[in-house]
Amino acid sequence: MNHKKHIPHVIGVASGKGGVGKTTVATHLASAMVHAGQRVLVLDADMGLANAQIAFGMRAKYNIQHVLQGEKSLSEILLQTPQGVWLAPGASGSRDMASLDATATARLIDAFDDVADQFDVLIVDIAAGISSAVTTFLNACQRRIIVVRDEPASIADAYGLIKVMVNEFGLDEIYLLPNMVKSQAHGWQLYKRFNDICVRFLNQSVSYLTSIETDEEVSSERAKYQRVVTQAQLSGTPRDFVRLADAVGKLPPVATVTGSTQFFVHRLVQAQLSP
């Protein structure tokens, strides 16, 4: 008899700098995966400036801060968005949440084991930069999507983030996602240039899934705090997210433990120990 527990696919979405569309990527990817039949939970882990709830067109009464303070359980704060995605809202404008220490971050990560059976995919929308909370969340994920724009500052900061992941933490399963590019060919060329630098200076490749093209409709919808991915038949960016969701969905399961602080670590250990 198979006693292995269900392990959701955990994907971290991060960026070296803010303003490159990281939360847009996380929320659109989540909606596209729901459209494909997956049960998806998004954790807004950009604790100081959480805005995933706004991107989904929602306002949360309770958030992760209430869980860490012992006022609510994780299940009690989860919201189902109009797009069918479930959301664990982060706190916004809280200095304490913006500078979570490793112990509090680990407690939060462990809390997700209680809802593991309810979801197929956990997407973690991680803050920009290389703070300790950012690196802890990146370590806790099975795969990491790094969003980058074709701008010098974005490229430099994305490289800096990946350098920390590789040199300080030995992480792999890193995927570069060119965002707001003119075409798929433009995105591929940006990835190739970036990957050549990683191979040369870090001795490690990053992977590629697809690119997200610039789409004025997404920009205008985002300005109104709405989304367009549910209209998957539209051309342009929504199609790119459907392609991204399909590529992510075809990746093989990751059942390796890379550290003590990981989402669903007890289930991962059991999977490793089981024949």
Protein backbone atom coordinates (compact mmCIF):
# COMPACT_ATOMS: atom_id res chain seq x y z
CA MET A 1 0.00 0.00 0.00
CA ASN A 2 1.26 3.48 -0.91
CA HIS A 3 1.32 5.74 2.15
CA LYS A 4 3.14 8.65 0.48
CA LYS A 5 1.57 12.01 1.20
CA HIS A 6 0.58 14.50 -1.46
CA ILE A 7 3.32 17.10 -2.13
CA PRO A 8 2.26 20.31 -3.91
CA HIS A 9 4.56 21.77 -6.55
CA VAL A 10 6.18 24.85 -4.95
CA ILE A 11 7.26 27.67 -7.26
CA GLY A 12 8.91 30.85 -6.02
CA VAL A 13 8.58 34.00 -8.15
CA ALA A 14 11.22 36.62 -7.37
CA SER A 15 13.25 39.44 -8.92
CA GLY A 16 16.44 41.31 -8.24
CA LYS A 17 14.68 44.69 -8.21
CA GLY A 18 11.13 45.91 -7.90
CA GLY A 19 8.99 47.21 -10.72
CA VAL A 20 9.68 44.40 -13.19
CA GLY A 21 6.22 42.79 -13.02
CA LYS A 22 6.91 40.04 -10.48
CA THR A 23 3.48 40.06 -8.83
CA THR A 24 1.79 40.30 -12.23
CA VAL A 25 3.69 37.17 -13.26
CA ALA A 26 2.79 35.31 -10.06
CA THR A 27 -0.93 36.14 -10.22
CA HIS A 28 -1.30 35.57 -13.96
CA LEU A 29 0.59 32.26 -13.78
CA ALA A 30 -1.66 31.16 -10.92
CA SER A 31 -4.81 31.99 -12.88
CA ALA A 32 -3.54 30.23 -16.00
CA MET A 33 -2.78 27.10 -13.96
CA VAL A 34 -6.27 27.17 -12.44
CA HIS A 35 -7.63 27.49 -15.98
CA ALA A 36 -5.66 24.32 -16.80
CA GLY A 37 -7.38 22.44 -13.96
CA GLN A 38 -4.86 22.83 -11.14
CA ARG A 39 -5.71 23.71 -7.53
CA VAL A 40 -3.49 26.73 -6.88
CA LEU A 41 -2.61 28.68 -3.73
CA VAL A 42 -0.63 31.93 -3.88
CA LEU A 43 1.34 33.10 -0.84
CA ASP A 44 2.00 36.82 -0.97
CA ALA A 45 5.42 36.71 0.68
CA ASP A 46 6.32 40.30 -0.18
CA MET A 47 5.53 41.00 3.46
CA GLY A 48 6.19 44.72 3.68
CA LEU A 49 4.52 45.73 0.41
CA ALA A 50 2.02 42.95 -0.23
CA ASN A 51 -0.15 43.67 -3.26
CA ALA A 52 -1.30 40.32 -4.67
CA GLN A 53 -4.76 40.86 -3.21
CA ILE A 54 -5.00 44.12 -5.14
CA ALA A 55 -3.88 42.39 -8.34
CA PHE A 56 -6.71 39.89 -7.83
CA GLY A 57 -9.18 42.72 -7.20
CA MET A 58 -9.71 41.82 -3.54
CA ARG A 59 -9.33 43.30 -0.07
CA ALA A 60 -8.34 40.93 2.74
CA LYS A 61 -9.57 41.40 6.30
CA TYR A 62 -6.94 39.03 7.70
CA ASN A 63 -3.43 38.21 6.51
CA ILE A 64 -0.24 36.34 7.33
CA GLN A 65 0.52 38.70 10.19
CA HIS A 66 -2.56 37.41 12.04
CA VAL A 67 -1.25 33.85 11.62
CA LEU A 68 2.19 34.69 12.99
CA GLN A 69 0.62 36.51 15.94
CA GLY A 70 -1.47 33.44 16.77
CA GLU A 71 -4.78 35.19 16.13
CA LYS A 72 -5.81 33.09 13.12
CA SER A 73 -4.88 29.75 11.59
CA LEU A 74 -3.62 29.67 8.01
CA SER A 75 -6.88 28.10 6.82
CA GLU A 76 -8.85 30.95 8.37
CA ILE A 77 -7.14 33.66 6.33
CA LEU A 78 -7.26 31.97 2.92
CA LEU A 79 -9.41 33.70 0.31
CA GLN A 80 -10.69 32.35 -2.99
CA THR A 81 -10.32 34.95 -5.73
CA PRO A 82 -12.82 35.48 -8.57
CA GLN A 83 -10.25 33.79 -10.83
CA GLY A 84 -10.48 30.58 -8.78
CA VAL A 85 -7.02 31.02 -7.21
CA TRP A 86 -6.70 30.74 -3.43
CA LEU A 87 -4.67 33.48 -1.75
CA ALA A 88 -2.77 33.70 1.54
CA PRO A 89 -2.61 37.52 1.81
CA GLY A 90 0.53 39.23 3.03
CA ALA A 91 0.66 42.30 5.24
CA SER A 92 1.29 45.70 3.70
CA GLY A 93 2.89 48.68 5.37
CA SER A 94 4.13 46.72 8.38
CA ARG A 95 7.77 47.32 9.30
CA ASP A 96 7.83 44.19 11.48
CA MET A 97 6.56 41.99 8.65
CA ALA A 98 8.99 43.57 6.18
CA SER A 99 11.90 42.39 8.33
CA LEU A 100 10.80 38.90 9.40
CA ASP A 101 13.59 36.95 11.06
CA ALA A 102 14.50 33.38 10.10
CA THR A 103 12.53 31.84 12.98
CA ALA A 104 9.28 33.60 12.08
CA THR A 105 9.75 32.81 8.38
CA ALA A 106 10.32 29.12 9.19
CA ARG A 107 7.17 29.05 11.36
CA LEU A 108 5.17 30.48 8.49
CA ILE A 109 6.59 27.97 6.02
CA ASP A 110 5.77 25.07 8.36
CA ALA A 111 2.16 26.27 8.68
CA PHE A 112 1.50 25.39 5.06
CA ASP A 113 1.77 21.68 5.78
CA ASP A 114 -1.76 21.88 7.23
CA VAL A 115 -3.24 22.79 3.83
CA ALA A 116 -1.00 20.64 1.61
CA ASP A 117 -3.73 18.20 0.61
CA GLN A 118 -5.97 21.01 -0.65
CA PHE A 119 -3.65 22.25 -3.42
CA ASP A 120 -1.61 20.99 -6.35
CA VAL A 121 0.55 24.10 -6.69
CA LEU A 122 1.85 26.71 -4.25
CA ILE A 123 3.14 29.89 -5.90
CA VAL A 124 5.19 32.10 -3.57
CA ASP A 125 5.31 35.76 -4.58
CA ILE A 126 8.62 36.76 -2.96
CA ALA A 127 9.87 40.29 -2.29
CA ALA A 128 12.52 41.80 -4.54
CA GLY A 129 16.15 41.93 -3.43
CA ILE A 130 18.39 39.64 -1.38
CA SER A 131 17.21 40.09 2.22
CA SER A 132 17.32 37.14 4.61
CA ALA A 133 13.56 36.63 4.26
CA VAL A 134 13.90 36.55 0.45
CA THR A 135 16.67 33.95 0.52
CA THR A 136 14.82 31.86 3.11
CA PHE A 137 11.72 31.73 0.92
CA LEU A 138 13.81 30.95 -2.18
CA ASN A 139 15.46 28.08 -0.30
CA ALA A 140 12.05 26.81 0.77
CA CYS A 141 10.74 26.46 -2.80
CA GLN A 142 11.30 23.54 -5.17
CA ARG A 143 11.74 25.81 -8.19
CA ARG A 144 12.51 29.50 -8.62
CA ILE A 145 11.37 31.82 -11.43
CA ILE A 146 13.41 35.02 -11.62
CA VAL A 147 11.62 37.81 -13.48
CA VAL A 148 13.83 40.18 -15.46
CA ARG A 149 13.33 43.07 -17.87
CA ASP A 150 15.77 44.04 -20.61
CA GLU A 151 17.12 46.98 -18.63
CA PRO A 152 20.63 47.30 -17.16
CA ALA A 153 19.48 47.67 -13.53
CA SER A 154 17.06 44.73 -13.76
CA ILE A 155 19.66 42.49 -15.40
CA ALA A 156 22.36 43.44 -12.88
CA ASP A 157 20.11 42.88 -9.87
CA ALA A 158 18.74 39.60 -11.23
CA TYR A 159 22.30 38.38 -11.71
CA GLY A 160 23.16 39.47 -8.15
CA LEU A 161 20.20 37.51 -6.78
CA ILE A 162 21.11 34.39 -8.75
CA LYS A 163 24.75 34.72 -7.68
CA VAL A 164 23.63 34.61 -4.03
CA MET A 165 21.39 31.61 -4.69
CA VAL A 166 24.16 29.68 -6.41
CA ASN A 167 27.29 30.68 -4.46
CA GLU A 168 25.86 30.99 -0.94
CA PHE A 169 23.08 28.41 -0.98
CA GLY A 170 23.95 26.01 -3.81
CA LEU A 171 20.45 26.27 -5.29
CA ASP A 172 19.46 25.00 -8.70
CA GLU A 173 16.09 24.74 -10.48
CA ILE A 174 16.42 28.43 -11.37
CA TYR A 175 14.39 29.70 -14.35
CA LEU A 176 14.87 33.11 -15.94
CA LEU A 177 11.64 34.71 -17.19
CA PRO A 178 12.13 37.70 -19.51
CA ASN A 179 9.15 40.01 -18.99
CA MET A 180 7.71 42.86 -21.06
CA VAL A 181 9.78 41.99 -24.11
CA LYS A 182 8.95 42.96 -27.69
CA SER A 183 8.73 39.38 -28.94
CA GLN A 184 9.51 35.79 -28.01
CA ALA A 185 12.70 36.11 -30.07
CA HIS A 186 13.70 39.18 -28.05
CA GLY A 187 13.08 37.27 -24.81
CA TRP A 188 15.11 34.28 -25.99
CA GLN A 189 18.05 36.52 -26.90
CA LEU A 190 17.89 38.20 -23.48
CA TYR A 191 17.91 34.78 -21.83
CA LYS A 192 20.86 33.62 -23.96
CA ARG A 193 22.93 36.70 -23.07
CA PHE A 194 22.08 36.35 -19.40
CA ASN A 195 22.75 32.62 -19.29
CA ASP A 196 26.14 33.06 -20.98
CA ILE A 197 27.12 35.36 -18.09
CA CYS A 198 25.92 32.82 -15.51
CA VAL A 199 27.85 30.00 -17.18
CA ARG A 200 30.99 32.11 -17.45
CA PHE A 201 31.08 33.59 -13.95
CA LEU A 202 28.97 31.21 -11.84
CA ASN A 203 29.69 27.97 -13.69
CA GLN A 204 25.97 27.23 -13.72
CA SER A 205 23.21 27.55 -16.29
CA VAL A 206 19.78 28.92 -15.59
CA SER A 207 16.79 27.40 -17.36
CA TYR A 208 14.25 28.89 -19.76
CA LEU A 209 10.52 28.25 -20.15
CA THR A 210 9.17 31.13 -22.25
CA SER A 211 9.01 34.92 -22.31
CA ILE A 212 6.19 37.38 -21.57
CA GLU A 213 5.62 39.95 -24.28
CA THR A 214 4.56 43.54 -23.64
CA ASP A 215 0.80 43.90 -23.79
CA GLU A 216 -0.96 47.25 -23.36
CA GLU A 217 -4.18 45.47 -22.38
CA VAL A 218 -2.50 43.87 -19.38
CA SER A 219 -1.03 47.24 -18.38
CA SER A 220 -4.41 48.96 -18.52
CA GLU A 221 -6.18 46.12 -16.70
CA ARG A 222 -3.50 46.07 -14.00
CA ALA A 223 -3.99 49.82 -13.52
CA LYS A 224 -7.64 49.07 -12.74
CA TYR A 225 -6.59 46.22 -10.39
CA GLN A 226 -8.14 43.66 -12.69
CA ARG A 227 -6.75 40.77 -14.66
CA VAL A 228 -7.10 39.36 -18.14
CA VAL A 229 -5.72 35.85 -17.92
CA THR A 230 -9.13 34.21 -17.57
CA GLN A 231 -9.75 35.31 -21.15
CA ALA A 232 -7.18 32.82 -22.39
CA GLN A 233 -8.47 33.08 -25.95
CA LEU A 234 -7.04 36.59 -26.30
CA SER A 235 -3.80 37.09 -28.17
CA GLY A 236 -0.63 38.50 -26.66
CA THR A 237 0.28 38.30 -23.01
CA PRO A 238 -2.56 36.06 -21.74
CA ARG A 239 -1.44 33.49 -24.30
CA ASP A 240 2.11 33.79 -22.98
CA PHE A 241 0.94 32.96 -19.46
CA VAL A 242 -1.01 29.98 -20.76
CA ARG A 243 2.22 28.85 -22.43
CA LEU A 244 4.16 29.43 -19.19
CA ALA A 245 1.59 27.48 -17.17
CA ASP A 246 1.78 24.61 -19.65
CA ALA A 247 5.59 24.56 -19.49
CA VAL A 248 5.59 24.62 -15.67
CA GLY A 249 2.96 21.88 -15.58
CA LYS A 250 5.15 19.59 -17.68
CA LEU A 251 8.17 19.85 -15.36
CA PRO A 252 8.92 16.63 -13.46
CA PRO A 253 8.20 16.48 -9.71
CA VAL A 254 10.93 17.66 -7.34
CA ALA A 255 11.14 15.50 -4.21
CA THR A 256 14.54 16.42 -2.83
CA VAL A 257 15.27 18.11 0.48
CA THR A 258 17.80 20.95 0.23
CA GLY A 259 17.53 22.22 3.79
CA SER A 260 15.52 22.17 6.98
CA THR A 261 13.41 25.17 6.03
CA GLN A 262 11.33 23.99 3.10
CA PHE A 263 7.67 23.96 2.28
CA PHE A 264 6.24 20.49 3.05
CA VAL A 265 9.65 19.31 4.29
CA HIS A 266 8.19 16.41 6.29
CA ARG A 267 6.41 15.10 3.21
CA LEU A 268 9.55 15.50 1.12
CA VAL A 269 11.61 13.55 3.68
CA GLN A 270 9.01 10.79 3.73
CA ALA A 271 9.06 10.63 -0.08
CA GLN A 272 12.84 10.29 -0.05
CA LEU A 273 12.78 7.55 2.56
CA SER A 274 9.95 5.56 0.96
CA PRO A 275 10.97 2.89 -1.56
